[in-house]
């Protein structure tokens, strides 16, 4: 996990998101995190097709990509 005390206030939302992803990986394990990430990518992609769903779909897609990246490395 990344310490938020020594970082700029502009980067803190990204660090909070990354720490959230790390917490999920620690809780679920790597394989389950990758599967959950792929599922979130799929759901986010489907929601992004609609204009109203894009507001929710794009963040879900980004969280899914981060889960897959964190689960693989």
PDB file of N, CA and C in Angstrom:
ATOM      1  N   UNK A   1       0.828  -1.175   0.000  1.00  0.00           N
ATOM      2  CA  UNK A   1       0.000   0.000   0.000  1.00  0.00           C
ATOM      3  C   UNK A   1       0.880   1.248   0.000  1.00  0.00           C
ATOM      4  N   UNK A   2       0.358   2.289  -0.596  1.00  0.00           N
ATOM      5  CA  UNK A   2       1.094   3.540  -0.722  1.00  0.00           C
ATOM      6  C   UNK A   2       0.657   4.475   0.396  1.00  0.00           C
ATOM      7  N   UNK A   3       1.616   5.119   1.035  1.00  0.00           N
ATOM      8  CA  UNK A   3       1.332   6.070   2.105  1.00  0.00           C
ATOM      9  C   UNK A   3       0.866   7.394   1.498  1.00  0.00           C
ATOM     10  N   UNK A   4      -0.278   7.893   1.953  1.00  0.00           N
ATOM     11  CA  UNK A   4      -0.825   9.119   1.384  1.00  0.00           C
ATOM     12  C   UNK A   4      -0.297  10.377   2.064  1.00  0.00           C
ATOM     13  N   UNK A   5       0.447  10.240   3.144  1.00  0.00           N
ATOM     14  CA  UNK A   5       0.931  11.422   3.859  1.00  0.00           C
ATOM     15  C   UNK A   5       2.023  12.157   3.088  1.00  0.00           C
ATOM     16  N   UNK A   6       2.814  11.444   2.310  1.00  0.00           N
ATOM     17  CA  UNK A   6       3.947  12.055   1.620  1.00  0.00           C
ATOM     18  C   UNK A   6       3.660  12.379   0.157  1.00  0.00           C
ATOM     19  N   UNK A   7       2.407  12.386  -0.247  1.00  0.00           N
ATOM     20  CA  UNK A   7       2.074  12.639  -1.644  1.00  0.00           C
ATOM     21  C   UNK A   7       1.302  13.938  -1.793  1.00  0.00           C
ATOM     22  N   UNK A   8       1.259  14.417  -3.012  1.00  0.00           N
ATOM     23  CA  UNK A   8       0.533  15.637  -3.316  1.00  0.00           C
ATOM     24  C   UNK A   8      -0.966  15.413  -3.178  1.00  0.00           C
ATOM     25  N   UNK A   9      -1.686  16.453  -2.844  1.00  0.00           N
ATOM     26  CA  UNK A   9      -3.133  16.327  -2.682  1.00  0.00           C
ATOM     27  C   UNK A   9      -3.821  16.041  -4.025  1.00  0.00           C
ATOM     28  N   UNK A  10      -3.180  16.379  -5.126  1.00  0.00           N
ATOM     29  CA  UNK A  10      -3.769  16.108  -6.433  1.00  0.00           C
ATOM     30  C   UNK A  10      -3.694  14.623  -6.794  1.00  0.00           C
ATOM     31  N   UNK A  11      -2.737  13.904  -6.236  1.00  0.00           N
ATOM     32  CA  UNK A  11      -2.572  12.489  -6.538  1.00  0.00           C
ATOM     33  C   UNK A  11      -3.306  11.578  -5.564  1.00  0.00           C
ATOM     34  N   UNK A  12      -3.836  12.131  -4.504  1.00  0.00           N
ATOM     35  CA  UNK A  12      -4.476  11.304  -3.478  1.00  0.00           C
ATOM     36  C   UNK A  12      -5.657  10.484  -3.968  1.00  0.00           C
ATOM     37  N   UNK A  13      -6.549  10.986  -4.830  1.00  0.00           N
ATOM     38  CA  UNK A  13      -7.628  10.109  -5.310  1.00  0.00           C
ATOM     39  C   UNK A  13      -7.110   8.876  -6.051  1.00  0.00           C
ATOM     40  N   UNK A  14      -6.035   9.026  -6.813  1.00  0.00           N
ATOM     41  CA  UNK A  14      -5.470   7.892  -7.519  1.00  0.00           C
ATOM     42  C   UNK A  14      -4.829   6.905  -6.552  1.00  0.00           C
ATOM     43  N   UNK A  15      -4.205   7.425  -5.518  1.00  0.00           N
ATOM     44  CA  UNK A  15      -3.591   6.555  -4.517  1.00  0.00           C
ATOM     45  C   UNK A  15      -4.666   5.835  -3.715  1.00  0.00           C
ATOM     46  N   UNK A  16      -5.756   6.520  -3.409  1.00  0.00           N
ATOM     47  CA  UNK A  16      -6.861   5.866  -2.707  1.00  0.00           C
ATOM     48  C   UNK A  16      -7.440   4.743  -3.557  1.00  0.00           C
ATOM     49  N   UNK A  17      -7.599   4.985  -4.855  1.00  0.00           N
ATOM     50  CA  UNK A  17      -8.112   3.948  -5.748  1.00  0.00           C
ATOM     51  C   UNK A  17      -7.152   2.770  -5.805  1.00  0.00           C
ATOM     52  N   UNK A  18      -5.854   3.046  -5.914  1.00  0.00           N
ATOM     53  CA  UNK A  18      -4.867   1.963  -5.979  1.00  0.00           C
ATOM     54  C   UNK A  18      -4.839   1.182  -4.666  1.00  0.00           C
ATOM     55  N   UNK A  19      -4.921   1.866  -3.536  1.00  0.00           N
ATOM     56  CA  UNK A  19      -4.953   1.173  -2.250  1.00  0.00           C
ATOM     57  C   UNK A  19      -6.219   0.333  -2.102  1.00  0.00           C
ATOM     58  N   UNK A  20      -7.327   0.796  -2.663  1.00  0.00           N
ATOM     59  CA  UNK A  20      -8.564   0.013  -2.668  1.00  0.00           C
ATOM     60  C   UNK A  20      -8.390  -1.261  -3.482  1.00  0.00           C
ATOM     61  N   UNK A  21      -7.719  -1.144  -4.638  1.00  0.00           N
ATOM     62  CA  UNK A  21      -7.453  -2.313  -5.477  1.00  0.00           C
ATOM     63  C   UNK A  21      -6.537  -3.289  -4.741  1.00  0.00           C
ATOM     64  N   UNK A  22      -5.512  -2.785  -4.076  1.00  0.00           N
ATOM     65  CA  UNK A  22      -4.591  -3.640  -3.316  1.00  0.00           C
ATOM     66  C   UNK A  22      -5.345  -4.358  -2.200  1.00  0.00           C
ATOM     67  N   UNK A  23      -6.253  -3.666  -1.549  1.00  0.00           N
ATOM     68  CA  UNK A  23      -7.042  -4.271  -0.481  1.00  0.00           C
ATOM     69  C   UNK A  23      -7.913  -5.405  -1.019  1.00  0.00           C
ATOM     70  N   UNK A  24      -8.523  -5.207  -2.192  1.00  0.00           N
ATOM     71  CA  UNK A  24      -9.346  -6.255  -2.796  1.00  0.00           C
ATOM     72  C   UNK A  24      -8.490  -7.463  -3.152  1.00  0.00           C
ATOM     73  N   UNK A  25      -7.299  -7.228  -3.704  1.00  0.00           N
ATOM     74  CA  UNK A  25      -6.417  -8.335  -4.068  1.00  0.00           C
ATOM     75  C   UNK A  25      -5.972  -9.087  -2.819  1.00  0.00           C
ATOM     76  N   UNK A  26      -5.667  -8.384  -1.752  1.00  0.00           N
ATOM     77  CA  UNK A  26      -5.270  -9.056  -0.520  1.00  0.00           C
ATOM     78  C   UNK A  26      -6.417  -9.884   0.039  1.00  0.00           C
ATOM     79  N   UNK A  27      -7.635  -9.380  -0.085  1.00  0.00           N
ATOM     80  CA  UNK A  27      -8.789 -10.095   0.437  1.00  0.00           C
ATOM     81  C   UNK A  27      -9.142 -11.320  -0.401  1.00  0.00           C
ATOM     82  N   UNK A  28      -9.114 -11.196  -1.685  1.00  0.00           N
ATOM     83  CA  UNK A  28      -9.637 -12.254  -2.541  1.00  0.00           C
ATOM     84  C   UNK A  28      -8.580 -13.194  -3.091  1.00  0.00           C
ATOM     85  N   UNK A  29      -7.364 -12.760  -3.159  1.00  0.00           N
ATOM     86  CA  UNK A  29      -6.344 -13.577  -3.797  1.00  0.00           C
ATOM     87  C   UNK A  29      -6.166 -13.141  -5.235  1.00  0.00           C
ATOM     88  N   UNK A  30      -5.048 -13.527  -5.801  1.00  0.00           N
ATOM     89  CA  UNK A  30      -4.700 -13.045  -7.141  1.00  0.00           C
ATOM     90  C   UNK A  30      -5.616 -13.589  -8.233  1.00  0.00           C
ATOM     91  N   UNK A  31      -5.878 -14.874  -8.219  1.00  0.00           N
ATOM     92  CA  UNK A  31      -6.677 -15.462  -9.294  1.00  0.00           C
ATOM     93  C   UNK A  31      -8.098 -14.918  -9.290  1.00  0.00           C
ATOM     94  N   UNK A  32      -8.676 -14.839  -8.114  1.00  0.00           N
ATOM     95  CA  UNK A  32     -10.031 -14.312  -8.021  1.00  0.00           C
ATOM     96  C   UNK A  32     -10.075 -12.827  -8.379  1.00  0.00           C
ATOM     97  N   UNK A  33      -9.003 -12.094  -8.069  1.00  0.00           N
ATOM     98  CA  UNK A  33      -8.942 -10.677  -8.424  1.00  0.00           C
ATOM     99  C   UNK A  33      -8.910 -10.504  -9.941  1.00  0.00           C
ATOM    100  N   UNK A  34      -8.159 -11.370 -10.637  1.00  0.00           N
ATOM    101  CA  UNK A  34      -8.108 -11.287 -12.102  1.00  0.00           C
ATOM    102  C   UNK A  34      -9.469 -11.623 -12.699  1.00  0.00           C
ATOM    103  N   UNK A  35     -10.124 -12.655 -12.176  1.00  0.00           N
ATOM    104  CA  UNK A  35     -11.452 -13.028 -12.687  1.00  0.00           C
ATOM    105  C   UNK A  35     -12.465 -11.922 -12.406  1.00  0.00           C
ATOM    106  N   UNK A  36     -12.412 -11.356 -11.204  1.00  0.00           N
ATOM    107  CA  UNK A  36     -13.310 -10.251 -10.876  1.00  0.00           C
ATOM    108  C   UNK A  36     -13.025  -9.036 -11.746  1.00  0.00           C
ATOM    109  N   UNK A  37     -11.747  -8.768 -12.024  1.00  0.00           N
ATOM    110  CA  UNK A  37     -11.375  -7.662 -12.903  1.00  0.00           C
ATOM    111  C   UNK A  37     -11.896  -7.853 -14.317  1.00  0.00           C
ATOM    112  N   UNK A  38     -11.779  -9.072 -14.838  1.00  0.00           N
ATOM    113  CA  UNK A  38     -12.304  -9.343 -16.176  1.00  0.00           C
ATOM    114  C   UNK A  38     -13.818  -9.188 -16.223  1.00  0.00           C
ATOM    115  N   UNK A  39     -14.479  -9.601 -15.155  1.00  0.00           N
ATOM    116  CA  UNK A  39     -15.928  -9.441 -15.089  1.00  0.00           C
ATOM    117  C   UNK A  39     -16.314  -7.955 -15.051  1.00  0.00           C
ATOM    118  N   UNK A  40     -15.562  -7.166 -14.290  1.00  0.00           N
ATOM    119  CA  UNK A  40     -15.846  -5.728 -14.238  1.00  0.00           C
ATOM    120  C   UNK A  40     -15.556  -5.046 -15.573  1.00  0.00           C
ATOM    121  N   UNK A  41     -14.522  -5.518 -16.287  1.00  0.00           N
ATOM    122  CA  UNK A  41     -14.240  -4.976 -17.618  1.00  0.00           C
ATOM    123  C   UNK A  41     -15.405  -5.268 -18.555  1.00  0.00           C
ATOM    124  N   UNK A  42     -15.930  -6.475 -18.479  1.00  0.00           N
ATOM    125  CA  UNK A  42     -17.057  -6.855 -19.335  1.00  0.00           C
ATOM    126  C   UNK A  42     -18.299  -6.020 -19.017  1.00  0.00           C
ATOM    127  N   UNK A  43     -18.624  -5.895 -17.738  1.00  0.00           N
ATOM    128  CA  UNK A  43     -19.804  -5.112 -17.341  1.00  0.00           C
ATOM    129  C   UNK A  43     -19.617  -3.635 -17.680  1.00  0.00           C
ATOM    130  N   UNK A  44     -18.415  -3.116 -17.431  1.00  0.00           N
ATOM    131  CA  UNK A  44     -18.145  -1.719 -17.770  1.00  0.00           C
ATOM    132  C   UNK A  44     -18.217  -1.464 -19.262  1.00  0.00           C
ATOM    133  N   UNK A  45     -17.745  -2.412 -20.062  1.00  0.00           N
ATOM    134  CA  UNK A  45     -17.829  -2.272 -21.515  1.00  0.00           C
ATOM    135  C   UNK A  45     -19.261  -2.289 -22.014  1.00  0.00           C
ATOM    136  N   UNK A  46     -20.069  -3.153 -21.426  1.00  0.00           N
ATOM    137  CA  UNK A  46     -21.478  -3.215 -21.821  1.00  0.00           C
ATOM    138  C   UNK A  46     -22.208  -1.933 -21.428  1.00  0.00           C
ATOM    139  N   UNK A  47     -21.924  -1.422 -20.226  1.00  0.00           N
ATOM    140  CA  UNK A  47     -22.580  -0.181 -19.791  1.00  0.00           C
ATOM    141  C   UNK A  47     -22.107   1.029 -20.579  1.00  0.00           C
ATOM    142  N   UNK A  48     -20.873   0.999 -21.078  1.00  0.00           N
ATOM    143  CA  UNK A  48     -20.339   2.138 -21.801  1.00  0.00           C
ATOM    144  C   UNK A  48     -21.003   2.302 -23.170  1.00  0.00           C
ATOM    145  N   UNK A  49     -21.595   1.253 -23.687  1.00  0.00           N
ATOM    146  CA  UNK A  49     -22.263   1.333 -24.989  1.00  0.00           C
ATOM    147  C   UNK A  49     -23.432   2.314 -24.936  1.00  0.00           C
ATOM    148  N   UNK A  50     -24.145   2.334 -23.825  1.00  0.00           N
ATOM    149  CA  UNK A  50     -25.245   3.283 -23.703  1.00  0.00           C
ATOM    150  C   UNK A  50     -24.712   4.610 -23.184  1.00  0.00           C
ATOM    151  N   UNK A  51     -25.336   5.684 -23.555  1.00  0.00           N
ATOM    152  CA  UNK A  51     -24.857   7.016 -23.175  1.00  0.00           C
ATOM    153  C   UNK A  51     -25.026   7.262 -21.682  1.00  0.00           C
ATOM    154  N   UNK A  52     -26.157   6.878 -21.112  1.00  0.00           N
ATOM    155  CA  UNK A  52     -26.396   7.085 -19.680  1.00  0.00           C
ATOM    156  C   UNK A  52     -25.515   6.137 -18.870  1.00  0.00           C
ATOM    157  N   UNK A  53     -25.330   4.916 -19.341  1.00  0.00           N
ATOM    158  CA  UNK A  53     -24.514   3.946 -18.621  1.00  0.00           C
ATOM    159  C   UNK A  53     -23.036   4.250 -18.674  1.00  0.00           C
ATOM    160  N   UNK A  54     -22.613   5.121 -19.594  1.00  0.00           N
ATOM    161  CA  UNK A  54     -21.193   5.455 -19.709  1.00  0.00           C
ATOM    162  C   UNK A  54     -20.684   6.180 -18.469  1.00  0.00           C
ATOM    163  N   UNK A  55     -21.563   6.890 -17.797  1.00  0.00           N
ATOM    164  CA  UNK A  55     -21.168   7.595 -16.586  1.00  0.00           C
ATOM    165  C   UNK A  55     -20.731   6.597 -15.511  1.00  0.00           C
ATOM    166  N   UNK A  56     -21.393   5.468 -15.439  1.00  0.00           N
ATOM    167  CA  UNK A  56     -21.050   4.425 -14.473  1.00  0.00           C
ATOM    168  C   UNK A  56     -20.093   3.410 -15.091  1.00  0.00           C
ATOM    169  N   UNK A  57     -20.221   3.159 -16.382  1.00  0.00           N
ATOM    170  CA  UNK A  57     -19.452   2.102 -17.045  1.00  0.00           C
ATOM    171  C   UNK A  57     -17.963   2.379 -17.142  1.00  0.00           C
ATOM    172  N   UNK A  58     -17.587   3.605 -17.399  1.00  0.00           N
ATOM    173  CA  UNK A  58     -16.163   3.923 -17.561  1.00  0.00           C
ATOM    174  C   UNK A  58     -15.393   3.744 -16.249  1.00  0.00           C
ATOM    175  N   UNK A  59     -15.881   4.229 -15.099  1.00  0.00           N
ATOM    176  CA  UNK A  59     -15.153   3.941 -13.853  1.00  0.00           C
ATOM    177  C   UNK A  59     -15.094   2.451 -13.512  1.00  0.00           C
ATOM    178  N   UNK A  60     -16.173   1.719 -13.787  1.00  0.00           N
ATOM    179  CA  UNK A  60     -16.164   0.276 -13.543  1.00  0.00           C
ATOM    180  C   UNK A  60     -15.122  -0.393 -14.434  1.00  0.00           C
ATOM    181  N   UNK A  61     -15.034   0.026 -15.679  1.00  0.00           N
ATOM    182  CA  UNK A  61     -14.041  -0.509 -16.602  1.00  0.00           C
ATOM    183  C   UNK A  61     -12.622  -0.219 -16.116  1.00  0.00           C
ATOM    184  N   UNK A  62     -12.377   0.982 -15.632  1.00  0.00           N
ATOM    185  CA  UNK A  62     -11.046   1.346 -15.140  1.00  0.00           C
ATOM    186  C   UNK A  62     -10.678   0.531 -13.903  1.00  0.00           C
ATOM    187  N   UNK A  63     -11.617   0.341 -12.994  1.00  0.00           N
ATOM    188  CA  UNK A  63     -11.354  -0.468 -11.802  1.00  0.00           C
ATOM    189  C   UNK A  63     -11.074  -1.912 -12.200  1.00  0.00           C
ATOM    190  N   UNK A  64     -11.779  -2.419 -13.205  1.00  0.00           N
ATOM    191  CA  UNK A  64     -11.518  -3.772 -13.690  1.00  0.00           C
ATOM    192  C   UNK A  64     -10.127  -3.919 -14.276  1.00  0.00           C
ATOM    193  N   UNK A  65      -9.694  -2.946 -15.051  1.00  0.00           N
ATOM    194  CA  UNK A  65      -8.344  -2.986 -15.629  1.00  0.00           C
ATOM    195  C   UNK A  65      -7.294  -2.939 -14.522  1.00  0.00           C
ATOM    196  N   UNK A  66      -7.504  -2.088 -13.528  1.00  0.00           N
ATOM    197  CA  UNK A  66      -6.549  -2.008 -12.421  1.00  0.00           C
ATOM    198  C   UNK A  66      -6.499  -3.303 -11.618  1.00  0.00           C
ATOM    199  N   UNK A  67      -7.645  -3.958 -11.449  1.00  0.00           N
ATOM    200  CA  UNK A  67      -7.660  -5.242 -10.755  1.00  0.00           C
ATOM    201  C   UNK A  67      -6.875  -6.304 -11.516  1.00  0.00           C
ATOM    202  N   UNK A  68      -7.047  -6.342 -12.825  1.00  0.00           N
ATOM    203  CA  UNK A  68      -6.316  -7.320 -13.628  1.00  0.00           C
ATOM    204  C   UNK A  68      -4.818  -7.044 -13.568  1.00  0.00           C
ATOM    205  N   UNK A  69      -4.437  -5.784 -13.700  1.00  0.00           N
ATOM    206  CA  UNK A  69      -3.015  -5.430 -13.646  1.00  0.00           C
ATOM    207  C   UNK A  69      -2.426  -5.804 -12.288  1.00  0.00           C
ATOM    208  N   UNK A  70      -3.118  -5.462 -11.232  1.00  0.00           N
ATOM    209  CA  UNK A  70      -2.609  -5.758  -9.888  1.00  0.00           C
ATOM    210  C   UNK A  70      -2.599  -7.273  -9.624  1.00  0.00           C
ATOM    211  N   UNK A  71      -3.564  -7.986 -10.148  1.00  0.00           N
ATOM    212  CA  UNK A  71      -3.615  -9.432  -9.951  1.00  0.00           C
ATOM    213  C   UNK A  71      -2.520 -10.176 -10.705  1.00  0.00           C
ATOM    214  N   UNK A  72      -2.115  -9.649 -11.846  1.00  0.00           N
ATOM    215  CA  UNK A  72      -1.079 -10.320 -12.635  1.00  0.00           C
ATOM    216  C   UNK A  72       0.329  -9.978 -12.165  1.00  0.00           C
ATOM    217  N   UNK A  73       0.519  -8.764 -11.613  1.00  0.00           N
ATOM    218  CA  UNK A  73       1.870  -8.392 -11.157  1.00  0.00           C
ATOM    219  C   UNK A  73       1.884  -8.082  -9.720  1.00  0.00           C
TER     220      UNK A  73
END
